[in-house]
Protein backbone atom coordinates (compact mmCIF):
# COMPACT_ATOMS: atom_id res chain seq x y z
CA MET A 1 2.92 -16.91 12.30
CA SER A 2 3.51 -14.00 10.36
CA TYR A 3 1.59 -14.45 7.22
CA ILE A 4 -1.95 -15.89 6.22
CA SER A 5 -2.50 -17.48 3.06
CA LEU A 6 -4.38 -15.72 0.37
CA ASP A 7 -6.94 -18.09 0.37
CA GLU A 8 -7.72 -17.11 4.17
CA TYR A 9 -7.38 -13.31 3.40
CA PRO A 10 -11.22 -11.65 3.66
CA ARG A 11 -10.13 -9.06 0.76
CA LYS A 12 -9.10 -12.07 -1.27
CA TRP A 13 -11.47 -11.21 -4.17
CA ILE A 14 -9.24 -8.01 -4.85
CA PHE A 15 -6.50 -9.76 -5.84
CA THR A 16 -8.94 -12.75 -7.63
CA HIS A 17 -11.42 -10.37 -9.15
CA GLN A 18 -12.65 -11.67 -12.80
CA SER A 19 -11.87 -8.16 -14.19
CA MET A 20 -8.64 -7.79 -13.04
CA PRO A 21 -7.06 -11.69 -12.28
CA ILE A 22 -3.56 -11.66 -10.76
CA PRO A 23 -1.63 -14.56 -12.38
CA GLN A 24 -0.95 -17.76 -9.90
CA GLU A 25 2.93 -17.18 -9.95
CA ASP A 26 1.98 -13.27 -8.67
CA LEU A 27 -0.26 -14.30 -6.23
CA GLU A 28 2.09 -16.39 -4.68
CA GLN A 29 3.92 -12.98 -3.61
CA ILE A 30 1.45 -11.48 -2.30
CA LYS A 31 1.29 -12.03 1.45
CA PRO A 32 -1.24 -10.80 3.92
CA MET A 33 0.41 -10.75 7.54
CA SER A 34 -1.53 -12.16 10.14
CA GLN A 35 -3.43 -9.54 12.48
CA ALA A 36 -0.82 -9.77 15.40
CA ARG A 37 1.94 -9.30 12.82
CA ALA A 38 0.18 -6.56 11.39
CA ALA A 39 -0.80 -4.51 14.47
CA GLN A 40 3.06 -4.71 15.23
CA PHE A 41 4.05 -3.63 12.17
CA TRP A 42 1.43 -1.18 12.10
CA LYS A 43 2.65 -0.06 15.54
CA GLU A 44 6.23 0.88 14.87
CA ASN A 45 5.73 2.08 11.23
CA ILE A 46 2.64 4.31 11.11
CA SER A 47 1.11 4.54 14.84
CA ALA A 48 1.32 3.28 17.83
CA GLN A 49 -2.34 4.64 19.13
CA SER A 50 -4.41 5.09 15.77
CA PRO A 51 -5.96 1.65 14.11
CA ASP A 52 -6.73 3.61 10.49
CA ALA A 53 -5.54 6.43 8.76
CA GLU A 54 -9.10 8.29 9.47
CA ARG A 55 -7.83 8.28 13.06
CA LEU A 56 -4.07 9.07 12.86
CA SER A 57 -3.27 11.25 15.87
CA SER A 58 -0.50 14.64 15.34
CA GLN A 59 2.01 12.88 16.94
CA ASP A 60 1.93 9.94 13.90
CA TRP A 61 4.41 11.01 11.15
CA PRO A 62 1.96 10.75 8.24
CA MET A 63 0.21 13.80 10.11
CA ASN A 64 2.77 16.29 9.48
CA THR A 65 2.60 17.69 6.47
CA LYS A 66 6.14 18.51 6.09
CA ASN A 67 7.02 15.01 5.46
CA TRP A 68 4.42 15.04 1.98
CA LEU A 69 6.14 16.60 -1.26
CA HIS A 70 3.05 17.04 -2.95
CA ASP A 71 -0.31 15.21 -4.18
CA VAL A 72 -0.42 12.89 -7.70
CA ASP A 73 -3.77 11.74 -9.48
CA TRP A 74 -4.09 8.20 -9.68
CA MET A 75 -7.67 7.86 -10.73
CA ASP A 76 -7.37 8.50 -14.22
CA ASN A 77 -4.81 6.25 -14.43
CA TRP A 78 -6.57 3.66 -12.18
CA GLU A 79 -9.51 3.74 -14.61
CA ASP A 80 -7.58 3.30 -17.92
CA ASP A 81 -6.58 0.28 -18.62
CA ASP A 82 -3.55 0.88 -20.61
CA LEU A 83 -2.30 3.17 -17.98
CA GLY A 84 0.01 1.83 -14.97
CA LEU A 85 1.27 3.80 -12.16
CA PRO A 86 1.72 7.49 -12.43
CA GLU A 87 5.21 8.62 -13.71
CA GLU A 88 5.46 11.10 -11.17
CA VAL A 89 5.26 8.08 -8.55
CA LEU A 90 7.52 5.93 -10.25
CA GLU A 91 10.12 8.49 -10.85
CA PHE A 92 9.79 8.91 -6.76
CA LEU A 93 10.03 5.73 -6.08
CA ASP A 94 13.14 4.70 -7.94
CA TRP A 95 12.95 1.32 -6.14
CA GLN A 96 14.53 -1.85 -7.44
CA ASP A 97 11.93 -4.75 -8.45
CA ASP A 98 13.05 -6.86 -5.50
CA VAL A 99 12.59 -4.38 -3.03
CA THR A 100 9.64 -5.66 -0.40
CA VAL A 101 6.90 -3.57 0.29
CA TYR A 102 3.97 -2.78 3.09
CA PHE A 103 0.61 -2.38 1.89
CA CYS A 104 -0.96 -1.35 4.89
CA TYR A 105 -4.98 -0.80 4.81
CA GLU A 106 -5.10 -0.38 8.58
CA LYS A 107 -3.45 -2.12 11.80
CA TYR A 108 -4.91 -5.31 10.89
CA ASN A 109 -4.72 -5.43 7.66
CA VAL A 110 -1.54 -5.09 6.09
CA VAL A 111 0.11 -6.62 3.23
CA GLU A 112 3.47 -7.55 2.08
CA THR A 113 4.78 -8.21 -1.64
CA LYS A 114 7.51 -6.75 -3.82
CA TRP A 115 7.52 -3.65 -5.89
CA SER A 116 7.39 -5.49 -9.06
CA ILE A 117 4.42 -6.85 -8.31
CA PHE A 118 3.05 -3.88 -6.47
CA LYS A 119 3.72 -2.00 -9.56
CA GLN A 120 2.14 -4.32 -11.69
CA HIS A 121 -0.80 -5.03 -10.07
CA TRP A 122 -1.27 -1.79 -8.17
CA LYS A 123 -5.25 -1.46 -9.32
CA ASN A 124 -6.09 -4.27 -7.39
CA PHE A 125 -4.80 -2.84 -3.93
CA LEU A 126 -6.37 0.42 -4.51
CA PHE A 127 -10.14 -1.53 -4.61
CA PHE A 128 -9.90 -0.36 -1.24
CA ASP A 129 -8.50 2.94 -1.37
CA ASP A 130 -9.73 4.36 2.13
CA GLY A 131 -6.24 5.73 3.39
CA PRO A 132 -3.86 2.79 2.35
CA ILE A 133 -0.31 3.77 3.30
CA LEU A 134 2.89 1.68 0.65
CA LEU A 135 6.22 1.59 2.69
CA GLY A 136 9.32 0.01 1.29
CA ARG A 137 11.62 -1.91 3.72
CA ARG A 138 14.34 0.51 4.43
CA ARG A 139 13.38 3.02 2.42
CA ASP A 140 12.01 6.19 3.67
CA GLN A 141 9.71 7.05 0.56
CA ALA A 142 6.10 6.46 1.10
CA LEU A 143 2.97 6.84 -0.48
CA TRP A 144 -0.66 7.51 1.14
CA PHE A 145 -3.50 6.64 -0.89
CA ASN A 146 -6.82 8.91 -0.65
CA THR A 147 -10.25 8.25 -1.72
CA ASN A 148 -10.37 11.25 -3.49
CA GLY A 149 -8.25 9.86 -6.61
CA SER A 150 -4.63 11.37 -4.98
CA VAL A 151 -1.65 10.28 -3.33
CA LYS A 152 0.47 12.31 -0.90
CA VAL A 153 3.87 11.80 -2.57
CA GLY A 154 6.84 12.25 0.66
CA ARG A 155 9.13 11.10 3.33
CA ARG A 156 8.40 9.00 6.27
CA SER A 157 10.51 10.78 9.25
């Protein structure tokens, strides 16, 4: 099985938190991968050796500084109830709303959804901001979020 139900997902609360609840029809489009599927995805798309962003090796594409164009501050937007993703991020990721995206927290924790759902509920995803990487299916653009409130904008190689 490739996915687990949101009810089985240990971090379900980030999507159902009373301060930022997500409507049921959007929750149905947030699909946590099973641990086995997440590990395979991580191995193929992030790192064959490292289990999380803190332990990436110099051979892993995210560690190559040439892959990153610049950093954008996301914390101010996250803290403001009326602001969405930073404009610089939206301009860089000019994806259609139906593009499948993968929010990769760590080797055994990857969530699949659509770009439209991520854009609308990105603040929920970032309740855990310890180095998650956002990838799009068949897209080379990538985002790498940091706990300091910045996000690296770049392309994976």
